[in-house]
Amino acid sequence: MPVNPKMAICGVEGMGNMVFASYDTLEPKDLSLLRQVLEQVCEERNITLQHPDAEHYAHNLVNWYLFGVRQPDELKAMLKPLDA
């Protein structure tokens, strides 16, 4: 079943939060891509998917995806400021 969020919040430390309406749905292929990116990010940072930071990364990945960032490398780049 697709997820249909009404609002998403993207935050980058030092840049505040961006709030935008999204009526996009996340299909299984979208969730699969996001999961693959999350797994890569966690592996690169030597954390498990159960680590609290992984939840934070997942939240931001979904928000950036809904905002229109759809390429895996671009999504990963959007998370770099969160590591600072």
N, C-alpha and C. Protein backbone atom coordinates (compact mmCIF):
# COMPACT_ATOMS: atom_id res chain seq x y z
N MET A 1 0.84 -1.18 0.00
CA MET A 1 0.00 0.00 0.00
C MET A 1 0.89 1.24 0.00
N PRO A 2 0.68 2.20 -0.92
CA PRO A 2 1.50 3.40 -0.98
C PRO A 2 1.29 4.30 0.24
N VAL A 3 2.34 5.00 0.61
CA VAL A 3 2.29 5.97 1.69
C VAL A 3 1.92 7.31 1.07
N ASN A 4 1.01 8.06 1.68
CA ASN A 4 0.60 9.34 1.13
C ASN A 4 0.69 10.42 2.19
N PRO A 5 1.90 10.96 2.43
CA PRO A 5 2.03 12.01 3.43
C PRO A 5 1.46 13.32 2.92
N LYS A 6 0.95 14.13 3.81
CA LYS A 6 0.40 15.43 3.44
C LYS A 6 1.44 16.54 3.56
N MET A 7 2.32 16.42 4.53
CA MET A 7 3.35 17.44 4.73
C MET A 7 4.68 16.74 4.99
N ALA A 8 5.73 17.38 4.56
CA ALA A 8 7.07 16.85 4.84
C ALA A 8 7.93 18.00 5.34
N ILE A 9 8.88 17.67 6.18
CA ILE A 9 9.79 18.67 6.72
C ILE A 9 11.21 18.20 6.45
N CYS A 10 11.98 19.02 5.75
CA CYS A 10 13.38 18.73 5.52
C CYS A 10 14.19 19.68 6.36
N GLY A 11 15.16 19.15 7.07
CA GLY A 11 15.99 20.01 7.90
C GLY A 11 17.46 19.75 7.66
N VAL A 12 18.21 20.82 7.55
CA VAL A 12 19.65 20.73 7.48
C VAL A 12 20.18 21.66 8.56
N GLU A 13 21.04 21.12 9.41
CA GLU A 13 21.54 21.90 10.53
C GLU A 13 22.10 23.23 10.04
N GLY A 14 21.70 24.29 10.69
CA GLY A 14 22.17 25.61 10.32
C GLY A 14 21.36 26.27 9.22
N MET A 15 20.46 25.51 8.60
CA MET A 15 19.67 26.06 7.51
C MET A 15 18.19 26.10 7.85
N GLY A 16 17.82 25.63 9.03
CA GLY A 16 16.41 25.62 9.41
C GLY A 16 15.66 24.47 8.75
N ASN A 17 14.35 24.49 8.88
CA ASN A 17 13.51 23.45 8.29
C ASN A 17 12.75 24.01 7.10
N MET A 18 12.58 23.16 6.11
CA MET A 18 11.74 23.51 4.97
C MET A 18 10.47 22.69 5.11
N VAL A 19 9.33 23.34 5.05
CA VAL A 19 8.06 22.64 5.13
C VAL A 19 7.37 22.80 3.79
N PHE A 20 6.89 21.70 3.25
CA PHE A 20 6.20 21.77 1.97
C PHE A 20 5.11 20.72 1.92
N ALA A 21 4.10 21.00 1.14
CA ALA A 21 3.02 20.03 0.95
C ALA A 21 3.45 19.03 -0.11
N SER A 22 3.14 17.79 0.10
CA SER A 22 3.45 16.75 -0.88
C SER A 22 2.25 15.84 -1.02
N TYR A 23 1.81 15.68 -2.23
CA TYR A 23 0.71 14.77 -2.51
C TYR A 23 1.22 13.58 -3.32
N ASP A 24 2.54 13.45 -3.39
CA ASP A 24 3.14 12.31 -4.05
C ASP A 24 2.91 11.06 -3.19
N THR A 25 2.87 9.94 -3.85
CA THR A 25 2.81 8.68 -3.12
C THR A 25 4.15 7.98 -3.28
N LEU A 26 4.50 7.20 -2.30
CA LEU A 26 5.70 6.39 -2.38
C LEU A 26 5.29 4.98 -2.75
N GLU A 27 5.69 4.57 -3.92
CA GLU A 27 5.40 3.24 -4.42
C GLU A 27 6.48 2.27 -3.93
N PRO A 28 6.25 0.97 -4.06
CA PRO A 28 7.26 0.01 -3.62
C PRO A 28 8.64 0.25 -4.22
N LYS A 29 8.71 0.64 -5.50
CA LYS A 29 10.02 0.90 -6.13
C LYS A 29 10.71 2.10 -5.48
N ASP A 30 9.93 3.10 -5.06
CA ASP A 30 10.49 4.26 -4.37
C ASP A 30 11.06 3.84 -3.02
N LEU A 31 10.27 3.06 -2.29
CA LEU A 31 10.72 2.60 -0.96
C LEU A 31 11.96 1.71 -1.08
N SER A 32 12.01 0.91 -2.14
CA SER A 32 13.18 0.06 -2.36
C SER A 32 14.43 0.90 -2.61
N LEU A 33 14.30 1.93 -3.43
CA LEU A 33 15.43 2.83 -3.69
C LEU A 33 15.88 3.51 -2.40
N LEU A 34 14.92 4.02 -1.64
CA LEU A 34 15.25 4.70 -0.38
C LEU A 34 15.92 3.74 0.60
N ARG A 35 15.47 2.50 0.64
CA ARG A 35 16.07 1.50 1.53
C ARG A 35 17.52 1.22 1.11
N GLN A 36 17.75 1.11 -0.19
CA GLN A 36 19.10 0.86 -0.68
C GLN A 36 20.03 2.02 -0.32
N VAL A 37 19.56 3.23 -0.50
CA VAL A 37 20.37 4.40 -0.15
C VAL A 37 20.64 4.42 1.35
N LEU A 38 19.62 4.16 2.16
CA LEU A 38 19.81 4.13 3.61
C LEU A 38 20.82 3.07 4.01
N GLU A 39 20.74 1.89 3.42
CA GLU A 39 21.70 0.83 3.74
C GLU A 39 23.12 1.25 3.37
N GLN A 40 23.30 1.92 2.23
CA GLN A 40 24.62 2.40 1.83
C GLN A 40 25.14 3.45 2.80
N VAL A 41 24.27 4.38 3.17
CA VAL A 41 24.65 5.44 4.10
C VAL A 41 25.08 4.84 5.44
N CYS A 42 24.31 3.90 5.93
CA CYS A 42 24.64 3.28 7.22
C CYS A 42 25.94 2.49 7.13
N GLU A 43 26.14 1.79 6.04
CA GLU A 43 27.38 1.04 5.86
C GLU A 43 28.58 1.98 5.82
N GLU A 44 28.46 3.09 5.08
CA GLU A 44 29.55 4.05 4.99
C GLU A 44 29.88 4.67 6.34
N ARG A 45 28.89 4.78 7.21
CA ARG A 45 29.09 5.41 8.52
C ARG A 45 29.30 4.38 9.63
N ASN A 46 29.35 3.12 9.25
CA ASN A 46 29.56 2.02 10.19
C ASN A 46 28.54 2.00 11.32
N ILE A 47 27.26 2.18 10.95
CA ILE A 47 26.17 2.07 11.92
C ILE A 47 25.17 1.05 11.40
N THR A 48 24.37 0.51 12.30
CA THR A 48 23.33 -0.44 11.92
C THR A 48 22.06 0.32 11.56
N LEU A 49 21.14 -0.38 10.93
CA LEU A 49 19.84 0.22 10.62
C LEU A 49 19.04 0.50 11.88
N GLN A 50 19.42 -0.11 13.00
CA GLN A 50 18.73 0.11 14.27
C GLN A 50 19.30 1.30 15.05
N HIS A 51 20.40 1.84 14.59
CA HIS A 51 21.04 2.97 15.27
C HIS A 51 20.13 4.20 15.19
N PRO A 52 20.07 5.02 16.25
CA PRO A 52 19.22 6.23 16.22
C PRO A 52 19.53 7.16 15.04
N ASP A 53 20.79 7.25 14.64
CA ASP A 53 21.12 8.10 13.50
C ASP A 53 20.50 7.58 12.21
N ALA A 54 20.35 6.26 12.10
CA ALA A 54 19.75 5.68 10.90
C ALA A 54 18.31 6.15 10.73
N GLU A 55 17.59 6.25 11.81
CA GLU A 55 16.21 6.75 11.74
C GLU A 55 16.20 8.21 11.27
N HIS A 56 17.13 8.97 11.77
CA HIS A 56 17.24 10.37 11.37
C HIS A 56 17.56 10.47 9.86
N TYR A 57 18.50 9.64 9.40
CA TYR A 57 18.84 9.63 7.97
C TYR A 57 17.64 9.19 7.14
N ALA A 58 16.92 8.17 7.58
CA ALA A 58 15.76 7.68 6.84
C ALA A 58 14.70 8.77 6.71
N HIS A 59 14.44 9.46 7.80
CA HIS A 59 13.45 10.55 7.80
C HIS A 59 13.84 11.61 6.76
N ASN A 60 15.11 12.01 6.78
CA ASN A 60 15.56 13.02 5.84
C ASN A 60 15.58 12.52 4.40
N LEU A 61 15.93 11.27 4.19
CA LEU A 61 15.90 10.71 2.84
C LEU A 61 14.49 10.78 2.25
N VAL A 62 13.51 10.38 3.02
CA VAL A 62 12.12 10.42 2.54
C VAL A 62 11.72 11.86 2.23
N ASN A 63 12.04 12.77 3.12
CA ASN A 63 11.67 14.16 2.89
C ASN A 63 12.33 14.73 1.64
N TRP A 64 13.64 14.50 1.47
CA TRP A 64 14.32 15.00 0.28
C TRP A 64 13.74 14.35 -0.98
N TYR A 65 13.39 13.07 -0.90
CA TYR A 65 12.81 12.37 -2.04
C TYR A 65 11.47 13.02 -2.42
N LEU A 66 10.65 13.28 -1.44
CA LEU A 66 9.37 13.93 -1.70
C LEU A 66 9.55 15.36 -2.21
N PHE A 67 10.64 15.98 -1.83
CA PHE A 67 10.93 17.33 -2.28
C PHE A 67 11.38 17.33 -3.75
N GLY A 68 11.77 16.15 -4.26
CA GLY A 68 12.14 16.04 -5.67
C GLY A 68 13.54 15.55 -5.95
N VAL A 69 14.31 15.30 -4.90
CA VAL A 69 15.66 14.75 -5.07
C VAL A 69 15.49 13.24 -5.24
N ARG A 70 15.73 12.73 -6.45
CA ARG A 70 15.40 11.34 -6.74
C ARG A 70 16.59 10.44 -7.06
N GLN A 71 17.77 11.02 -7.30
CA GLN A 71 18.94 10.21 -7.65
C GLN A 71 19.68 9.79 -6.37
N PRO A 72 20.08 8.51 -6.29
CA PRO A 72 20.75 8.03 -5.08
C PRO A 72 21.95 8.87 -4.65
N ASP A 73 22.81 9.23 -5.60
CA ASP A 73 23.99 10.03 -5.23
C ASP A 73 23.60 11.40 -4.71
N GLU A 74 22.57 11.99 -5.29
CA GLU A 74 22.10 13.30 -4.82
C GLU A 74 21.49 13.19 -3.43
N LEU A 75 20.74 12.12 -3.19
CA LEU A 75 20.15 11.91 -1.87
C LEU A 75 21.25 11.78 -0.82
N LYS A 76 22.28 10.98 -1.13
CA LYS A 76 23.38 10.81 -0.18
C LYS A 76 24.09 12.13 0.07
N ALA A 77 24.25 12.93 -0.97
CA ALA A 77 24.91 14.23 -0.81
C ALA A 77 24.10 15.16 0.10
N MET A 78 22.79 15.05 0.07
CA MET A 78 21.94 15.90 0.90
C MET A 78 22.11 15.56 2.37
N LEU A 79 22.59 14.37 2.68
CA LEU A 79 22.77 13.97 4.08
C LEU A 79 24.13 14.40 4.65
N LYS A 80 25.07 14.76 3.80
CA LYS A 80 26.41 15.12 4.28
C LYS A 80 26.40 16.22 5.33
N PRO A 81 25.60 17.30 5.16
CA PRO A 81 25.59 18.34 6.21
C PRO A 81 25.11 17.82 7.57
N LEU A 82 24.38 16.72 7.59
CA LEU A 82 23.90 16.16 8.85
C LEU A 82 25.02 15.51 9.65
N ASP A 83 26.13 15.21 8.99
CA ASP A 83 27.26 14.57 9.66
C ASP A 83 28.16 15.56 10.39
N ALA A 84 27.97 16.83 10.11
CA ALA A 84 28.84 17.85 10.71
C ALA A 84 28.57 18.02 12.18
